[in-house]
Amino acid sequence: MPAPIDNTFVRCPWPSEDLQMIQYHDKEWGVPLHDDRIIFEFLVLEGMQAGLSWSTVLHKRENFRKAFDGFDVEKVARFDDRKVRNLLRDQGIIRNRLKIEAAIENASLFIEVQEEHGSFEKYIWKFVNGKPKINMFKTLRSIPATSKESDAMSKDLKERGFRFVGSTICYAHMQATGMVNDHLVKCFRHDELSGAVPPVIR
């Protein structure tokens, strides 16, 4: 069960009253990630989100973790046809064959990038020159769906053979992994993640 929510903080409005979305907003969204396993997890989840809401995916996250062996990229890359059939029967996840097969293929390509660059993290962060881009948006409608950085990331990933990596998905991935700080300026997390104020222990 999610922990009780402290409503004394001003937040971005998109989590609404969804406790799980609020926890995700407060604890994870926009936090710079440098762990390849978690980066791979978000790459899979963002691909699964295509055409759906993030809340739909987030509420199935634990089921995905179980189904995808904790997002161990080496294990996912070895998933075979039998495993795909099992995943398509798993009512706890998004049962889309194209997305499932893409996740498996992307896992193999993810490993290739790791071997080429030493880690996927070193590769992906180069698109923002190794440090988060701090934006200063005041309203949700001001936040873009893509950027020149996500365009470049998408182009490069597609050239490597990755699937479900359009620019919109890549920008969402950048937001989730802290490559950009898109918390609204009035949100308490904006200044915490930009280093303007120390994070509050909650």
Foldseek 3Di string as FASTA:
>chain_A
DADDDDPPFDFACVVPPPRLSVCLRVPFFQAADQDQQVLLLLLLLLLLCVVHDSVLSSVLSVVVCVLCVNSPLVSLLPDDPVSLVVQLVDPSHRNDSVSSVLSNVVSVLLVVVCVVQVHVSVVLLVLLPNAAAQDAAAHPVVDDLADPSLCVVLVVCVVSPHPSRHRSSSVSSCRRNNSYPPIHPRGPVSCCNVVVDPDDDD
